[in-house]
């Protein structure tokens, strides 16, 4: 039985709503037990879910209960940032098998006095992971970011041999958890410059990338691919995972194809599985019952799928 924690994020955002809607649509699943962290104001959203509900005041109390697929355990109260830390520690101690996070604002984290910018920094600090790479899981294709929240002018200097090798290793690890034939397909590293540098005419960075990738033959990775052609539909089934050199290079095509209501994020490099919604708190539509739960559904499904690979 996989015990999966779900944190609902900012309580004045859409996190509680999309979590409740996603669980309502997913329903009880054989081999999975859900523990949801939420605030007291979200009670009405969870009233009609197809689970037997048990409410507790702490994660310790939740873990004392037997894991059952038809029982939803709700940890009510405390602070949304504390939920993430508590659940992460339980994942590190193997008391939980996976973590799904709802949208958490940087403002809310800052108000607690923490220096962490977001979920990734919190989880990296607690796990002492050397590096965490952002992966994005979609129905059509998957993307790993070699560099994430880095200004464009700094991307070239951040694409060090260590970063490139780390991104390839992270993508390879993700590939190993994918179903069916996806495990056997090569990885694709997307070049940095237009035309992947045109043999050094448009920048020499891609020559360095090619040299490093040649040393990664055991990982079965191709590239650097020409960026403006890398994400053509014919490549979606050719490669298992695309590795983007920088944030927007990977996320613009990913979000154009999958939209804001589908797809999930996964943190690669942690010693446990953590997936997340691929959207923010959307406080402007909170409480209007119009939030789409698609990304939360994907995050839950992918968390369960990926835990089978660890």
Protein backbone atom coordinates (compact mmCIF):
# COMPACT_ATOMS: atom_id res chain seq x y z
CA UNK A 1 0.00 0.00 0.00
CA UNK A 2 1.48 3.33 -1.11
CA UNK A 3 0.87 6.16 1.35
CA UNK A 4 0.81 9.44 -0.56
CA UNK A 5 0.67 12.88 1.07
CA UNK A 6 -1.03 15.77 -0.71
CA UNK A 7 -0.46 19.35 0.48
CA UNK A 8 -3.06 21.86 -0.69
CA UNK A 9 -0.86 24.98 -0.61
CA UNK A 10 -2.16 28.51 -0.03
CA UNK A 11 -5.63 28.23 1.47
CA UNK A 12 -6.81 31.40 -0.26
CA UNK A 13 -5.76 29.99 -3.64
CA UNK A 14 -7.16 27.20 -5.80
CA UNK A 15 -5.09 24.43 -4.18
CA UNK A 16 -7.85 23.10 -1.90
CA UNK A 17 -10.41 23.23 -4.72
CA UNK A 18 -8.34 21.38 -7.32
CA UNK A 19 -7.30 18.79 -4.72
CA UNK A 20 -10.90 18.05 -3.73
CA UNK A 21 -12.04 17.94 -7.36
CA UNK A 22 -9.15 15.68 -8.36
CA UNK A 23 -9.82 13.22 -5.54
CA UNK A 24 -13.51 13.24 -6.37
CA UNK A 25 -12.76 12.27 -9.97
CA UNK A 26 -10.01 9.77 -9.12
CA UNK A 27 -11.82 8.10 -6.23
CA UNK A 28 -10.35 5.24 -4.15
CA UNK A 29 -7.51 3.41 -5.89
CA UNK A 30 -6.33 -0.09 -5.09
CA UNK A 31 -2.92 0.02 -3.43
CA UNK A 32 -3.03 3.75 -2.61
CA UNK A 33 -3.84 5.59 0.60
CA UNK A 34 -4.09 9.39 0.61
CA UNK A 35 -3.27 11.82 3.42
CA UNK A 36 -4.37 15.38 2.64
CA UNK A 37 -3.14 18.49 4.44
CA UNK A 38 -5.69 21.30 4.42
CA UNK A 39 -6.93 24.25 6.44
CA UNK A 40 -10.23 24.31 8.36
CA UNK A 41 -11.80 26.70 5.84
CA UNK A 42 -11.59 24.02 3.13
CA UNK A 43 -13.95 21.64 4.95
CA UNK A 44 -16.93 22.22 2.63
CA UNK A 45 -14.88 21.25 -0.44
CA UNK A 46 -14.21 17.76 0.90
CA UNK A 47 -17.68 16.86 2.20
CA UNK A 48 -18.95 14.80 -0.73
CA UNK A 49 -15.86 12.87 -1.76
CA UNK A 50 -16.23 9.12 -2.40
CA UNK A 51 -14.10 8.20 0.62
CA UNK A 52 -14.64 7.51 4.27
CA UNK A 53 -13.11 10.62 5.87
CA UNK A 54 -11.05 10.75 9.04
CA UNK A 55 -9.82 14.10 10.33
CA UNK A 56 -6.75 14.39 12.57
CA UNK A 57 -4.68 17.27 13.89
CA UNK A 58 -1.19 16.01 13.04
CA UNK A 59 0.69 13.86 10.57
CA UNK A 60 1.83 11.64 13.45
CA UNK A 61 -1.82 10.84 14.19
CA UNK A 62 -2.44 10.15 10.50
CA UNK A 63 0.48 7.73 10.30
CA UNK A 64 -0.81 5.84 13.35
CA UNK A 65 -3.92 4.89 11.37
CA UNK A 66 -3.90 1.86 9.07
CA UNK A 67 -3.57 2.76 5.36
CA UNK A 68 -6.79 1.95 3.53
CA UNK A 69 -7.62 2.84 -0.07
CA UNK A 70 -11.20 3.86 0.70
CA UNK A 71 -10.24 6.11 3.63
CA UNK A 72 -9.13 9.71 3.14
CA UNK A 73 -7.14 11.00 6.11
CA UNK A 74 -7.22 14.77 6.45
CA UNK A 75 -4.63 16.61 8.54
CA UNK A 76 -6.39 19.85 9.45
CA UNK A 77 -4.65 22.98 10.66
CA UNK A 78 -1.05 24.24 11.02
CA UNK A 79 0.74 26.25 8.32
CA UNK A 80 0.96 25.27 4.63
CA UNK A 81 4.76 25.56 4.65
CA UNK A 82 4.96 23.32 7.72
CA UNK A 83 2.88 20.73 5.86
CA UNK A 84 5.54 20.47 3.16
CA UNK A 85 8.33 20.03 5.68
CA UNK A 86 6.42 17.46 7.75
CA UNK A 87 5.49 15.42 4.69
CA UNK A 88 9.03 15.59 3.29
CA UNK A 89 10.52 14.32 6.55
CA UNK A 90 8.04 11.44 6.53
CA UNK A 91 9.08 10.63 2.96
CA UNK A 92 12.74 10.68 3.97
CA UNK A 93 11.99 8.26 6.82
CA UNK A 94 10.01 6.03 4.41
CA UNK A 95 6.78 6.51 6.38
CA UNK A 96 5.32 8.02 3.22
CA UNK A 97 6.07 6.78 -0.28
CA UNK A 98 5.37 9.97 -2.18
CA UNK A 99 4.45 13.65 -1.97
CA UNK A 100 2.12 15.68 -4.18
CA UNK A 101 2.21 19.44 -3.63
CA UNK A 102 -0.44 22.03 -4.42
CA UNK A 103 0.51 25.60 -5.36
CA UNK A 104 2.41 27.47 -2.64
CA UNK A 105 3.23 31.16 -3.04
CA UNK A 106 6.69 32.56 -2.44
CA UNK A 107 5.05 35.34 -0.42
CA UNK A 108 3.61 32.86 2.06
CA UNK A 109 6.98 31.17 2.47
CA UNK A 110 8.72 34.51 3.00
CA UNK A 111 6.25 35.49 5.74
CA UNK A 112 7.43 32.52 7.81
CA UNK A 113 10.96 33.92 7.90
CA UNK A 114 12.39 31.12 5.79
CA UNK A 115 14.96 31.92 3.12
CA UNK A 116 13.64 29.24 0.76
CA UNK A 117 12.19 30.53 -2.53
CA UNK A 118 9.79 27.64 -3.09
CA UNK A 119 9.07 23.94 -2.72
CA UNK A 120 12.29 22.95 -4.48
CA UNK A 121 14.52 24.89 -2.10
CA UNK A 122 12.66 23.57 0.95
CA UNK A 123 13.00 19.98 -0.22
CA UNK A 124 16.63 20.41 -1.23
CA UNK A 125 17.48 21.80 2.21
CA UNK A 126 15.72 19.01 4.08
CA UNK A 127 17.01 16.17 1.91
CA UNK A 128 20.51 17.62 1.49
CA UNK A 129 20.27 16.77 -2.21
CA UNK A 130 23.22 18.07 -4.24
CA UNK A 131 21.07 19.17 -7.17
CA UNK A 132 17.39 19.00 -8.08
CA UNK A 133 16.24 19.16 -11.69
CA UNK A 134 12.73 20.12 -12.72
CA UNK A 135 10.95 17.56 -14.85
CA UNK A 136 7.61 18.07 -16.61
CA UNK A 137 5.40 15.10 -17.41
CA UNK A 138 2.84 15.30 -20.19
CA UNK A 139 0.64 13.04 -22.25
CA UNK A 140 2.56 13.85 -25.44
CA UNK A 141 6.14 14.28 -24.21
CA UNK A 142 8.29 14.90 -21.14
CA UNK A 143 10.85 17.64 -20.45
CA UNK A 144 13.74 18.05 -18.00
CA UNK A 145 15.29 21.50 -17.53
CA UNK A 146 19.10 21.61 -17.46
CA UNK A 147 18.83 25.11 -15.97
CA UNK A 148 15.65 26.49 -14.42
CA UNK A 149 15.13 29.96 -12.93
CA UNK A 150 18.23 31.53 -14.45
CA UNK A 151 18.32 34.81 -16.43
CA UNK A 152 19.03 34.20 -20.11
CA UNK A 153 22.29 36.13 -19.95
CA UNK A 154 23.57 33.65 -17.35
CA UNK A 155 22.41 30.39 -18.95
CA UNK A 156 25.60 29.81 -20.93
CA UNK A 157 27.81 30.03 -17.86
CA UNK A 158 25.47 27.75 -15.90
CA UNK A 159 25.61 25.00 -18.53
CA UNK A 160 28.75 23.51 -17.03
CA UNK A 161 29.86 19.93 -17.72
CA UNK A 162 28.56 19.00 -14.27
CA UNK A 163 25.16 20.56 -14.94
CA UNK A 164 24.85 18.85 -18.32
CA UNK A 165 25.84 15.46 -16.91
CA UNK A 166 23.48 15.97 -13.98
CA UNK A 167 20.58 16.79 -16.29
CA UNK A 168 21.28 13.71 -18.40
CA UNK A 169 21.42 11.56 -15.26
CA UNK A 170 18.13 13.03 -14.01
CA UNK A 171 16.43 12.46 -17.36
CA UNK A 172 17.81 8.92 -17.48
CA UNK A 173 16.42 8.23 -14.01
CA UNK A 174 13.02 9.55 -15.10
CA UNK A 175 13.13 7.42 -18.24
CA UNK A 176 13.69 4.34 -16.09
CA UNK A 177 10.38 4.98 -14.32
CA UNK A 178 8.35 5.46 -17.49
CA UNK A 179 5.99 2.77 -18.75
CA UNK A 180 6.36 0.47 -21.73
CA UNK A 181 8.45 1.41 -24.74
CA UNK A 182 9.27 4.85 -23.35
CA UNK A 183 12.02 3.22 -21.28
CA UNK A 184 13.84 2.11 -24.42
CA UNK A 185 13.85 5.38 -26.33
CA UNK A 186 16.86 7.72 -26.31
CA UNK A 187 17.01 11.04 -24.51
CA UNK A 188 17.20 14.25 -26.54
CA UNK A 189 19.33 17.22 -25.45
CA UNK A 190 18.10 20.46 -27.05
CA UNK A 191 20.89 22.80 -28.15
CA UNK A 192 21.44 26.23 -26.63
CA UNK A 193 21.96 28.43 -29.69
CA UNK A 194 19.99 28.86 -32.94
CA UNK A 195 20.68 25.89 -35.25
CA UNK A 196 22.51 24.31 -32.27
CA UNK A 197 25.39 26.69 -32.97
CA UNK A 198 25.84 25.80 -36.67
CA UNK A 199 29.22 24.12 -36.00
CA UNK A 200 30.41 27.05 -33.88
CA UNK A 201 29.37 29.85 -36.22
CA UNK A 202 26.48 30.92 -33.95
CA UNK A 203 28.20 30.21 -30.66
CA UNK A 204 30.56 27.51 -29.47
CA UNK A 205 28.57 26.32 -26.46
CA UNK A 206 26.87 23.53 -28.41
CA UNK A 207 30.24 22.12 -29.46
CA UNK A 208 31.00 21.67 -25.78
CA UNK A 209 27.58 20.11 -25.18
CA UNK A 210 28.16 17.64 -28.02
CA UNK A 211 31.53 16.64 -26.57
CA UNK A 212 30.02 16.00 -23.15
CA UNK A 213 27.10 14.02 -24.60
CA UNK A 214 29.56 11.84 -26.51
CA UNK A 215 30.93 10.79 -23.12
CA UNK A 216 27.41 9.78 -22.02
CA UNK A 217 26.89 6.94 -24.51
CA UNK A 218 25.76 4.58 -21.77
CA UNK A 219 22.84 6.95 -21.11
CA UNK A 220 21.64 6.74 -24.76
CA UNK A 221 21.30 10.48 -25.37
CA UNK A 222 21.24 12.34 -28.69
CA UNK A 223 21.99 15.97 -29.40
CA UNK A 224 22.36 18.81 -29.27
CA UNK A 225 19.15 19.01 -31.34
CA UNK A 226 18.33 22.13 -33.35
CA UNK A 227 16.00 23.98 -30.93
CA UNK A 228 13.38 25.23 -33.40
CA UNK A 229 12.78 21.70 -34.73
CA UNK A 230 13.32 19.63 -31.59
CA UNK A 231 9.70 19.56 -30.46
CA UNK A 232 8.08 18.67 -33.79
CA UNK A 233 5.36 16.03 -33.28
CA UNK A 234 7.41 13.42 -35.14
CA UNK A 235 9.92 13.53 -32.28
CA UNK A 236 7.42 13.00 -29.47
CA UNK A 237 7.49 9.23 -29.85
CA UNK A 238 11.12 9.11 -30.97
CA UNK A 239 12.55 10.32 -27.66
CA UNK A 240 11.65 9.39 -24.10
CA UNK A 241 12.59 12.73 -22.50
CA UNK A 242 13.69 16.09 -23.91
CA UNK A 243 16.38 17.95 -21.96
CA UNK A 244 16.00 21.70 -22.47
CA UNK A 245 19.02 23.97 -22.05
CA UNK A 246 16.96 26.63 -20.28
CA UNK A 247 13.55 27.26 -18.73
CA UNK A 248 11.47 28.80 -21.52
CA UNK A 249 13.01 26.61 -24.21
CA UNK A 250 11.37 23.61 -22.57
CA UNK A 251 8.25 25.08 -21.01
CA UNK A 252 6.91 27.13 -23.90
CA UNK A 253 6.39 24.06 -26.13
CA UNK A 254 5.32 21.93 -23.16
CA UNK A 255 2.60 24.35 -22.07
CA UNK A 256 1.50 25.16 -25.61
CA UNK A 257 0.83 21.46 -26.23
CA UNK A 258 -0.49 20.43 -22.81
CA UNK A 259 -2.08 23.69 -21.66
CA UNK A 260 -2.20 25.00 -18.11
CA UNK A 261 -4.68 22.38 -16.95
CA UNK A 262 -2.70 19.27 -17.88
CA UNK A 263 0.75 17.99 -17.06
CA UNK A 264 2.65 17.72 -13.80
CA UNK A 265 6.04 18.61 -12.42
CA UNK A 266 8.44 16.16 -10.79
CA UNK A 267 11.53 16.98 -8.72
CA UNK A 268 14.46 14.84 -9.90
CA UNK A 269 17.38 14.31 -7.55
CA UNK A 270 15.39 13.83 -4.35
CA UNK A 271 15.57 10.47 -2.53
CA UNK A 272 11.78 10.20 -2.84
CA UNK A 273 9.06 10.97 -5.40
CA UNK A 274 7.60 14.46 -5.33
CA UNK A 275 5.21 15.67 -8.00
CA UNK A 276 3.37 18.96 -8.22
CA UNK A 277 0.74 20.83 -10.14
CA UNK A 278 2.02 22.81 -13.09
CA UNK A 279 0.31 26.09 -12.14
CA UNK A 280 0.24 28.73 -9.43
CA UNK A 281 -2.20 29.71 -6.70
CA UNK A 282 -4.56 31.60 -9.08
CA UNK A 283 -6.05 33.60 -6.21
CA UNK A 284 -8.07 35.69 -8.64
CA UNK A 285 -10.39 32.74 -9.30
CA UNK A 286 -10.24 31.09 -5.87
CA UNK A 287 -13.66 30.37 -4.37
CA UNK A 288 -15.49 30.60 -7.71
CA UNK A 289 -15.58 26.83 -8.34
CA UNK A 290 -14.10 27.23 -11.82
CA UNK A 291 -10.57 25.90 -11.26
CA UNK A 292 -9.59 22.97 -13.49
CA UNK A 293 -8.25 19.98 -11.50
CA UNK A 294 -6.50 18.38 -14.49
CA UNK A 295 -2.95 19.16 -13.39
CA UNK A 296 -3.60 17.92 -9.84
CA UNK A 297 -5.06 14.69 -11.23
CA UNK A 298 -1.96 14.26 -13.37
CA UNK A 299 0.31 15.00 -10.39
CA UNK A 300 -1.42 12.34 -8.28
CA UNK A 301 -1.40 9.74 -11.05
CA UNK A 302 2.25 10.39 -11.88
CA UNK A 303 3.27 10.21 -8.22
CA UNK A 304 1.67 6.77 -7.97
CA UNK A 305 3.18 5.66 -11.28
CA UNK A 306 6.68 6.85 -10.42
CA UNK A 307 6.68 5.30 -6.96
CA UNK A 308 6.43 1.94 -8.69
CA UNK A 309 9.87 2.60 -10.15
CA UNK A 310 11.63 3.15 -6.83
